[in-house]
Structure formats: C-alpha cells, structure tokens
C-alpha cells in the first residue's frame, strides 16, 4: 500500500508540473477546453494557475519523499 501511494504521488506530481508548464507557455485560447482558465479569443497566459499547479506538484513530491524514508521504531517496539 505504501509503495502504491508513493508511486501515485510521484506520477501526479509529474503531471501537475507538466500542467504548470502548459499554463506558463500557452495562451488561454489554446488551452484544452477542460482546463480551468480556457477562454476563447484570449491571448493571456495564466501565470497564477501555473504557480498553483507547480506548488501542488512540489507538495506531492515532498509527500512521496517523506513516505519513502526509513521508518523510525516506535515506543511500542522497545517495550517488548
């Protein structure tokens, strides 16, 4: 279960970072219609949407990093 959670977090993190670059490089009119911020005829670039997607991606990487670390022995393990 823990391995699945780590891999899923990394995959979603990569996806969020890729979405951030799409937001930073693509005008709103060329964004896919299912992306928030898609506006027909608009030439603006949604920088804030990209920053938010990038931050979520980084948070997912940090979560995966902490989940993949060594497990510390708990207090109950020493009582035996």
PDB file of N, CA and C in Angstrom:
ATOM      1  N   UNK A   1       0.826  -1.201   0.000  1.00  0.00           N
ATOM      2  CA  UNK A   1       0.000   0.000   0.000  1.00  0.00           C
ATOM      3  C   UNK A   1       0.868   1.262   0.000  1.00  0.00           C
ATOM      4  N   UNK A   2       1.926   1.249   0.815  1.00  0.00           N
ATOM      5  CA  UNK A   2       2.797   2.413   0.917  1.00  0.00           C
ATOM      6  C   UNK A   2       3.506   2.677  -0.409  1.00  0.00           C
ATOM      7  N   UNK A   3       3.944   1.606  -1.095  1.00  0.00           N
ATOM      8  CA  UNK A   3       4.629   1.744  -2.379  1.00  0.00           C
ATOM      9  C   UNK A   3       3.692   2.329  -3.439  1.00  0.00           C
ATOM     10  N   UNK A   4       2.435   1.899  -3.423  1.00  0.00           N
ATOM     11  CA  UNK A   4       1.451   2.413  -4.369  1.00  0.00           C
ATOM     12  C   UNK A   4       1.203   3.899  -4.137  1.00  0.00           C
ATOM     13  N   UNK A   5       1.135   4.289  -2.885  1.00  0.00           N
ATOM     14  CA  UNK A   5       0.924   5.692  -2.535  1.00  0.00           C
ATOM     15  C   UNK A   5       2.096   6.560  -3.000  1.00  0.00           C
ATOM     16  N   UNK A   6       3.303   6.063  -2.847  1.00  0.00           N
ATOM     17  CA  UNK A   6       4.491   6.806  -3.258  1.00  0.00           C
ATOM     18  C   UNK A   6       4.523   6.966  -4.778  1.00  0.00           C
ATOM     19  N   UNK A   7       4.304   5.874  -5.494  1.00  0.00           N
ATOM     20  CA  UNK A   7       4.335   5.932  -6.957  1.00  0.00           C
ATOM     21  C   UNK A   7       3.215   6.829  -7.475  1.00  0.00           C
ATOM     22  N   UNK A   8       2.032   6.719  -6.898  1.00  0.00           N
ATOM     23  CA  UNK A   8       0.920   7.565  -7.309  1.00  0.00           C
ATOM     24  C   UNK A   8       1.200   9.037  -7.071  1.00  0.00           C
ATOM     25  N   UNK A   9       1.829   9.354  -5.950  1.00  0.00           N
ATOM     26  CA  UNK A   9       2.174  10.743  -5.646  1.00  0.00           C
ATOM     27  C   UNK A   9       3.192  11.298  -6.638  1.00  0.00           C
ATOM     28  N   UNK A  10       4.171  10.494  -6.991  1.00  0.00           N
ATOM     29  CA  UNK A  10       5.185  10.945  -7.949  1.00  0.00           C
ATOM     30  C   UNK A  10       4.569  11.148  -9.331  1.00  0.00           C
ATOM     31  N   UNK A  11       3.714  10.223  -9.745  1.00  0.00           N
ATOM     32  CA  UNK A  11       3.068  10.349 -11.061  1.00  0.00           C
ATOM     33  C   UNK A  11       2.188  11.603 -11.105  1.00  0.00           C
ATOM     34  N   UNK A  12       1.394  11.817 -10.066  1.00  0.00           N
ATOM     35  CA  UNK A  12       0.555  13.014 -10.018  1.00  0.00           C
ATOM     36  C   UNK A  12       1.397  14.287  -9.930  1.00  0.00           C
ATOM     37  N   UNK A  13       2.515  14.221  -9.227  1.00  0.00           N
ATOM     38  CA  UNK A  13       3.420  15.366  -9.142  1.00  0.00           C
ATOM     39  C   UNK A  13       3.993  15.734 -10.501  1.00  0.00           C
ATOM     40  N   UNK A  14       4.420  14.737 -11.260  1.00  0.00           N
ATOM     41  CA  UNK A  14       4.939  14.989 -12.609  1.00  0.00           C
ATOM     42  C   UNK A  14       3.840  15.571 -13.485  1.00  0.00           C
ATOM     43  N   UNK A  15       2.640  15.043 -13.385  1.00  0.00           N
ATOM     44  CA  UNK A  15       1.510  15.550 -14.163  1.00  0.00           C
ATOM     45  C   UNK A  15       1.212  17.014 -13.815  1.00  0.00           C
ATOM     46  N   UNK A  16       1.241  17.358 -12.535  1.00  0.00           N
ATOM     47  CA  UNK A  16       0.988  18.743 -12.118  1.00  0.00           C
ATOM     48  C   UNK A  16       2.069  19.687 -12.623  1.00  0.00           C
ATOM     49  N   UNK A  17       3.320  19.251 -12.600  1.00  0.00           N
ATOM     50  CA  UNK A  17       4.408  20.095 -13.109  1.00  0.00           C
ATOM     51  C   UNK A  17       4.258  20.299 -14.614  1.00  0.00           C
ATOM     52  N   UNK A  18       3.860  19.255 -15.332  1.00  0.00           N
ATOM     53  CA  UNK A  18       3.634  19.391 -16.772  1.00  0.00           C
ATOM     54  C   UNK A  18       2.476  20.355 -17.051  1.00  0.00           C
ATOM     55  N   UNK A  19       1.424  20.270 -16.260  1.00  0.00           N
ATOM     56  CA  UNK A  19       0.293  21.191 -16.412  1.00  0.00           C
ATOM     57  C   UNK A  19       0.735  22.629 -16.142  1.00  0.00           C
ATOM     58  N   UNK A  20       1.612  22.814 -15.153  1.00  0.00           N
ATOM     59  CA  UNK A  20       2.124  24.154 -14.856  1.00  0.00           C
ATOM     60  C   UNK A  20       2.846  24.739 -16.065  1.00  0.00           C
ATOM     61  N   UNK A  21       3.673  23.944 -16.733  1.00  0.00           N
ATOM     62  CA  UNK A  21       4.377  24.444 -17.907  1.00  0.00           C
ATOM     63  C   UNK A  21       3.423  24.749 -19.056  1.00  0.00           C
ATOM     64  N   UNK A  22       2.344  23.979 -19.165  1.00  0.00           N
ATOM     65  CA  UNK A  22       1.334  24.280 -20.185  1.00  0.00           C
ATOM     66  C   UNK A  22       0.702  25.640 -19.894  1.00  0.00           C
ATOM     67  N   UNK A  23       0.360  25.878 -18.632  1.00  0.00           N
ATOM     68  CA  UNK A  23      -0.228  27.170 -18.265  1.00  0.00           C
ATOM     69  C   UNK A  23       0.732  28.322 -18.529  1.00  0.00           C
ATOM     70  N   UNK A  24       2.025  28.120 -18.285  1.00  0.00           N
ATOM     71  CA  UNK A  24       3.002  29.197 -18.446  1.00  0.00           C
ATOM     72  C   UNK A  24       3.342  29.487 -19.898  1.00  0.00           C
ATOM     73  N   UNK A  25       3.122  28.532 -20.779  1.00  0.00           N
ATOM     74  CA  UNK A  25       3.575  28.701 -22.156  1.00  0.00           C
ATOM     75  C   UNK A  25       2.446  28.811 -23.183  1.00  0.00           C
ATOM     76  N   UNK A  26       1.207  28.588 -22.777  1.00  0.00           N
ATOM     77  CA  UNK A  26       0.101  28.537 -23.732  1.00  0.00           C
ATOM     78  C   UNK A  26      -0.910  29.643 -23.443  1.00  0.00           C
ATOM     79  N   UNK A  27      -1.293  30.407 -24.453  1.00  0.00           N
ATOM     80  CA  UNK A  27      -2.355  31.403 -24.245  1.00  0.00           C
ATOM     81  C   UNK A  27      -3.677  30.717 -23.899  1.00  0.00           C
ATOM     82  N   UNK A  28      -4.548  31.448 -23.243  1.00  0.00           N
ATOM     83  CA  UNK A  28      -5.808  30.886 -22.756  1.00  0.00           C
ATOM     84  C   UNK A  28      -6.669  30.336 -23.879  1.00  0.00           C
ATOM     85  N   UNK A  29      -6.578  30.905 -25.051  1.00  0.00           N
ATOM     86  CA  UNK A  29      -7.406  30.426 -26.156  1.00  0.00           C
ATOM     87  C   UNK A  29      -6.963  29.059 -26.674  1.00  0.00           C
ATOM     88  N   UNK A  30      -5.674  28.708 -26.464  1.00  0.00           N
ATOM     89  CA  UNK A  30      -5.153  27.428 -26.944  1.00  0.00           C
ATOM     90  C   UNK A  30      -5.140  26.344 -25.875  1.00  0.00           C
ATOM     91  N   UNK A  31      -5.535  26.679 -24.646  1.00  0.00           N
ATOM     92  CA  UNK A  31      -5.613  25.664 -23.599  1.00  0.00           C
ATOM     93  C   UNK A  31      -6.695  24.650 -23.944  1.00  0.00           C
ATOM     94  N   UNK A  32      -6.533  23.395 -23.528  1.00  0.00           N
ATOM     95  CA  UNK A  32      -7.618  22.436 -23.720  1.00  0.00           C
ATOM     96  C   UNK A  32      -8.881  22.929 -23.017  1.00  0.00           C
ATOM     97  N   UNK A  33     -10.026  22.622 -23.582  1.00  0.00           N
ATOM     98  CA  UNK A  33     -11.287  23.179 -23.067  1.00  0.00           C
ATOM     99  C   UNK A  33     -11.611  22.717 -21.653  1.00  0.00           C
ATOM    100  N   UNK A  34     -11.028  21.596 -21.208  1.00  0.00           N
ATOM    101  CA  UNK A  34     -11.311  21.116 -19.848  1.00  0.00           C
ATOM    102  C   UNK A  34     -10.392  21.744 -18.804  1.00  0.00           C
ATOM    103  N   UNK A  35      -9.418  22.555 -19.219  1.00  0.00           N
ATOM    104  CA  UNK A  35      -8.548  23.257 -18.275  1.00  0.00           C
ATOM    105  C   UNK A  35      -9.283  24.471 -17.717  1.00  0.00           C
ATOM    106  N   UNK A  36      -9.207  24.696 -16.416  1.00  0.00           N
ATOM    107  CA  UNK A  36      -9.740  25.957 -15.885  1.00  0.00           C
ATOM    108  C   UNK A  36      -8.940  27.126 -16.465  1.00  0.00           C
ATOM    109  N   UNK A  37      -9.628  28.159 -16.889  1.00  0.00           N
ATOM    110  CA  UNK A  37      -8.964  29.312 -17.465  1.00  0.00           C
ATOM    111  C   UNK A  37      -9.025  29.359 -18.976  1.00  0.00           C
ATOM    112  N   UNK A  38      -9.587  28.339 -19.606  1.00  0.00           N
ATOM    113  CA  UNK A  38      -9.734  28.347 -21.065  1.00  0.00           C
ATOM    114  C   UNK A  38     -10.721  29.438 -21.462  1.00  0.00           C
ATOM    115  N   UNK A  39     -10.281  30.359 -22.296  1.00  0.00           N
ATOM    116  CA  UNK A  39     -11.129  31.452 -22.770  1.00  0.00           C
ATOM    117  C   UNK A  39     -10.922  31.601 -24.266  1.00  0.00           C
ATOM    118  N   UNK A  40     -11.981  31.424 -25.031  1.00  0.00           N
ATOM    119  CA  UNK A  40     -11.884  31.567 -26.486  1.00  0.00           C
ATOM    120  C   UNK A  40     -11.535  33.005 -26.842  1.00  0.00           C
ATOM    121  N   UNK A  41     -10.530  33.188 -27.683  1.00  0.00           N
ATOM    122  CA  UNK A  41     -10.137  34.510 -28.153  1.00  0.00           C
ATOM    123  C   UNK A  41      -9.213  35.278 -27.233  1.00  0.00           C
ATOM    124  N   UNK A  42      -8.844  34.720 -26.096  1.00  0.00           N
ATOM    125  CA  UNK A  42      -7.987  35.426 -25.153  1.00  0.00           C
ATOM    126  C   UNK A  42      -6.525  35.059 -25.387  1.00  0.00           C
ATOM    127  N   UNK A  43      -5.639  36.042 -25.339  1.00  0.00           N
ATOM    128  CA  UNK A  43      -4.214  35.779 -25.536  1.00  0.00           C
ATOM    129  C   UNK A  43      -3.438  35.824 -24.216  1.00  0.00           C
ATOM    130  N   UNK A  44      -4.135  35.940 -23.102  1.00  0.00           N
ATOM    131  CA  UNK A  44      -3.451  35.993 -21.805  1.00  0.00           C
ATOM    132  C   UNK A  44      -2.918  34.624 -21.419  1.00  0.00           C
ATOM    133  N   UNK A  45      -1.856  34.645 -20.639  1.00  0.00           N
ATOM    134  CA  UNK A  45      -1.266  33.429 -20.097  1.00  0.00           C
ATOM    135  C   UNK A  45      -1.600  33.400 -18.610  1.00  0.00           C
ATOM    136  N   UNK A  46      -2.061  32.280 -18.123  1.00  0.00           N
ATOM    137  CA  UNK A  46      -2.482  32.171 -16.722  1.00  0.00           C
ATOM    138  C   UNK A  46      -1.298  31.763 -15.842  1.00  0.00           C
ATOM    139  N   UNK A  47      -0.556  32.756 -15.396  1.00  0.00           N
ATOM    140  CA  UNK A  47       0.637  32.509 -14.581  1.00  0.00           C
ATOM    141  C   UNK A  47       0.248  31.959 -13.208  1.00  0.00           C
ATOM    142  N   UNK A  48      -0.797  32.507 -12.606  1.00  0.00           N
ATOM    143  CA  UNK A  48      -1.201  32.051 -11.265  1.00  0.00           C
ATOM    144  C   UNK A  48      -1.676  30.602 -11.280  1.00  0.00           C
ATOM    145  N   UNK A  49      -2.381  30.199 -12.330  1.00  0.00           N
ATOM    146  CA  UNK A  49      -2.793  28.805 -12.441  1.00  0.00           C
ATOM    147  C   UNK A  49      -1.554  27.895 -12.511  1.00  0.00           C
ATOM    148  N   UNK A  50      -0.548  28.347 -13.245  1.00  0.00           N
ATOM    149  CA  UNK A  50       0.691  27.584 -13.359  1.00  0.00           C
ATOM    150  C   UNK A  50       1.429  27.489 -12.041  1.00  0.00           C
ATOM    151  N   UNK A  51       1.456  28.589 -11.303  1.00  0.00           N
ATOM    152  CA  UNK A  51       2.113  28.568  -9.990  1.00  0.00           C
ATOM    153  C   UNK A  51       1.394  27.608  -9.051  1.00  0.00           C
ATOM    154  N   UNK A  52       0.071  27.622  -9.074  1.00  0.00           N
ATOM    155  CA  UNK A  52      -0.700  26.724  -8.211  1.00  0.00           C
ATOM    156  C   UNK A  52      -0.455  25.268  -8.592  1.00  0.00           C
ATOM    157  N   UNK A  53      -0.455  24.956  -9.878  1.00  0.00           N
ATOM    158  CA  UNK A  53      -0.211  23.574 -10.309  1.00  0.00           C
ATOM    159  C   UNK A  53       1.204  23.135  -9.936  1.00  0.00           C
ATOM    160  N   UNK A  54       2.166  24.042 -10.078  1.00  0.00           N
ATOM    161  CA  UNK A  54       3.556  23.719  -9.728  1.00  0.00           C
ATOM    162  C   UNK A  54       3.695  23.479  -8.226  1.00  0.00           C
ATOM    163  N   UNK A  55       3.024  24.286  -7.422  1.00  0.00           N
ATOM    164  CA  UNK A  55       3.089  24.126  -5.960  1.00  0.00           C
ATOM    165  C   UNK A  55       2.469  22.796  -5.539  1.00  0.00           C
ATOM    166  N   UNK A  56       1.363  22.423  -6.152  1.00  0.00           N
ATOM    167  CA  UNK A  56       0.744  21.133  -5.829  1.00  0.00           C
ATOM    168  C   UNK A  56       1.676  19.987  -6.228  1.00  0.00           C
ATOM    169  N   UNK A  57       2.319  20.123  -7.385  1.00  0.00           N
ATOM    170  CA  UNK A  57       3.282  19.110  -7.814  1.00  0.00           C
ATOM    171  C   UNK A  57       4.438  18.967  -6.843  1.00  0.00           C
ATOM    172  N   UNK A  58       4.981  20.091  -6.397  1.00  0.00           N
ATOM    173  CA  UNK A  58       6.068  20.040  -5.410  1.00  0.00           C
ATOM    174  C   UNK A  58       5.604  19.418  -4.092  1.00  0.00           C
ATOM    175  N   UNK A  59       4.389  19.754  -3.668  1.00  0.00           N
ATOM    176  CA  UNK A  59       3.857  19.171  -2.432  1.00  0.00           C
ATOM    177  C   UNK A  59       3.717  17.658  -2.563  1.00  0.00           C
ATOM    178  N   UNK A  60       3.312  17.187  -3.727  1.00  0.00           N
ATOM    179  CA  UNK A  60       3.203  15.741  -3.935  1.00  0.00           C
ATOM    180  C   UNK A  60       4.582  15.079  -3.914  1.00  0.00           C
ATOM    181  N   UNK A  61       5.599  15.739  -4.474  1.00  0.00           N
ATOM    182  CA  UNK A  61       6.956  15.192  -4.414  1.00  0.00           C
ATOM    183  C   UNK A  61       7.462  15.121  -2.975  1.00  0.00           C
ATOM    184  N   UNK A  62       7.213  16.151  -2.191  1.00  0.00           N
ATOM    185  CA  UNK A  62       7.632  16.164  -0.784  1.00  0.00           C
ATOM    186  C   UNK A  62       6.916  15.063  -0.011  1.00  0.00           C
ATOM    187  N   UNK A  63       5.615  14.909  -0.265  1.00  0.00           N
ATOM    188  CA  UNK A  63       4.854  13.844   0.390  1.00  0.00           C
ATOM    189  C   UNK A  63       5.452  12.473   0.066  1.00  0.00           C
ATOM    190  N   UNK A  64       5.768  12.228  -1.208  1.00  0.00           N
ATOM    191  CA  UNK A  64       6.360  10.954  -1.606  1.00  0.00           C
ATOM    192  C   UNK A  64       7.735  10.761  -0.971  1.00  0.00           C
ATOM    193  N   UNK A  65       8.496  11.843  -0.853  1.00  0.00           N
ATOM    194  CA  UNK A  65       9.821  11.764  -0.261  1.00  0.00           C
ATOM    195  C   UNK A  65       9.728  11.354   1.215  1.00  0.00           C
ATOM    196  N   UNK A  66       8.814  11.998   1.960  1.00  0.00           N
ATOM    197  CA  UNK A  66       8.667  11.655   3.366  1.00  0.00           C
ATOM    198  C   UNK A  66       8.112  10.249   3.553  1.00  0.00           C
ATOM    199  N   UNK A  67       7.222   9.814   2.686  1.00  0.00           N
ATOM    200  CA  UNK A  67       6.661   8.471   2.793  1.00  0.00           C
ATOM    201  C   UNK A  67       7.680   7.392   2.459  1.00  0.00           C
ATOM    202  N   UNK A  68       8.692   7.731   1.649  1.00  0.00           N
ATOM    203  CA  UNK A  68       9.662   6.727   1.231  1.00  0.00           C
ATOM    204  C   UNK A  68      10.850   6.613   2.186  1.00  0.00           C
ATOM    205  N   UNK A  69      10.910   7.464   3.198  1.00  0.00           N
ATOM    206  CA  UNK A  69      12.024   7.430   4.138  1.00  0.00           C
ATOM    207  C   UNK A  69      11.971   6.229   5.059  1.00  0.00           C
ATOM    208  N   UNK A  70      13.050   6.037   5.793  1.00  0.00           N
ATOM    209  CA  UNK A  70      13.108   4.931   6.742  1.00  0.00           C
ATOM    210  C   UNK A  70      12.117   5.164   7.862  1.00  0.00           C
ATOM    211  N   UNK A  71      11.522   4.079   8.315  1.00  0.00           N
ATOM    212  CA  UNK A  71      10.560   4.159   9.394  1.00  0.00           C
ATOM    213  C   UNK A  71      11.293   4.083  10.732  1.00  0.00           C
ATOM    214  N   UNK A  72      11.005   5.048  11.607  1.00  0.00           N
ATOM    215  CA  UNK A  72      11.616   5.033  12.936  1.00  0.00           C
ATOM    216  C   UNK A  72      10.893   4.015  13.809  1.00  0.00           C
ATOM    217  N   UNK A  73      11.624   3.332  14.656  1.00  0.00           N
ATOM    218  CA  UNK A  73      10.957   2.386  15.561  1.00  0.00           C
ATOM    219  C   UNK A  73      10.091   3.162  16.569  1.00  0.00           C
ATOM    220  N   UNK A  74       8.926   2.631  16.818  1.00  0.00           N
ATOM    221  CA  UNK A  74       8.033   3.300  17.756  1.00  0.00           C
ATOM    222  C   UNK A  74       8.347   2.886  19.176  1.00  0.00           C
ATOM    223  N   UNK A  75       7.708   3.544  20.131  1.00  0.00           N
ATOM    224  CA  UNK A  75       7.920   3.257  21.553  1.00  0.00           C
ATOM    225  C   UNK A  75       7.459   1.835  21.876  1.00  0.00           C
ATOM    226  N   UNK A  76       6.394   1.374  21.225  1.00  0.00           N
ATOM    227  CA  UNK A  76       5.883   0.043  21.488  1.00  0.00           C
ATOM    228  C   UNK A  76       6.870  -1.043  21.096  1.00  0.00           C
ATOM    229  N   UNK A  77       7.724  -0.779  20.094  1.00  0.00           N
ATOM    230  CA  UNK A  77       8.709  -1.758  19.652  1.00  0.00           C
ATOM    231  C   UNK A  77       9.786  -1.977  20.710  1.00  0.00           C
ATOM    232  N   UNK A  78      10.063  -0.973  21.542  1.00  0.00           N
ATOM    233  CA  UNK A  78      11.115  -1.091  22.551  1.00  0.00           C
ATOM    234  C   UNK A  78      10.625  -1.709  23.856  1.00  0.00           C
ATOM    235  N   UNK A  79       9.311  -1.772  24.071  1.00  0.00           N
ATOM    236  CA  UNK A  79       8.779  -2.296  25.314  1.00  0.00           C
ATOM    237  C   UNK A  79       8.858  -3.814  25.409  1.00  0.00           C
ATOM    238  N   UNK A  80       9.011  -4.495  24.332  1.00  0.00           N
ATOM    239  CA  UNK A  80       8.974  -5.954  24.334  1.00  0.00           C
ATOM    240  C   UNK A  80      10.187  -6.578  24.892  1.00  0.00           C
TER     241      UNK A  80
END
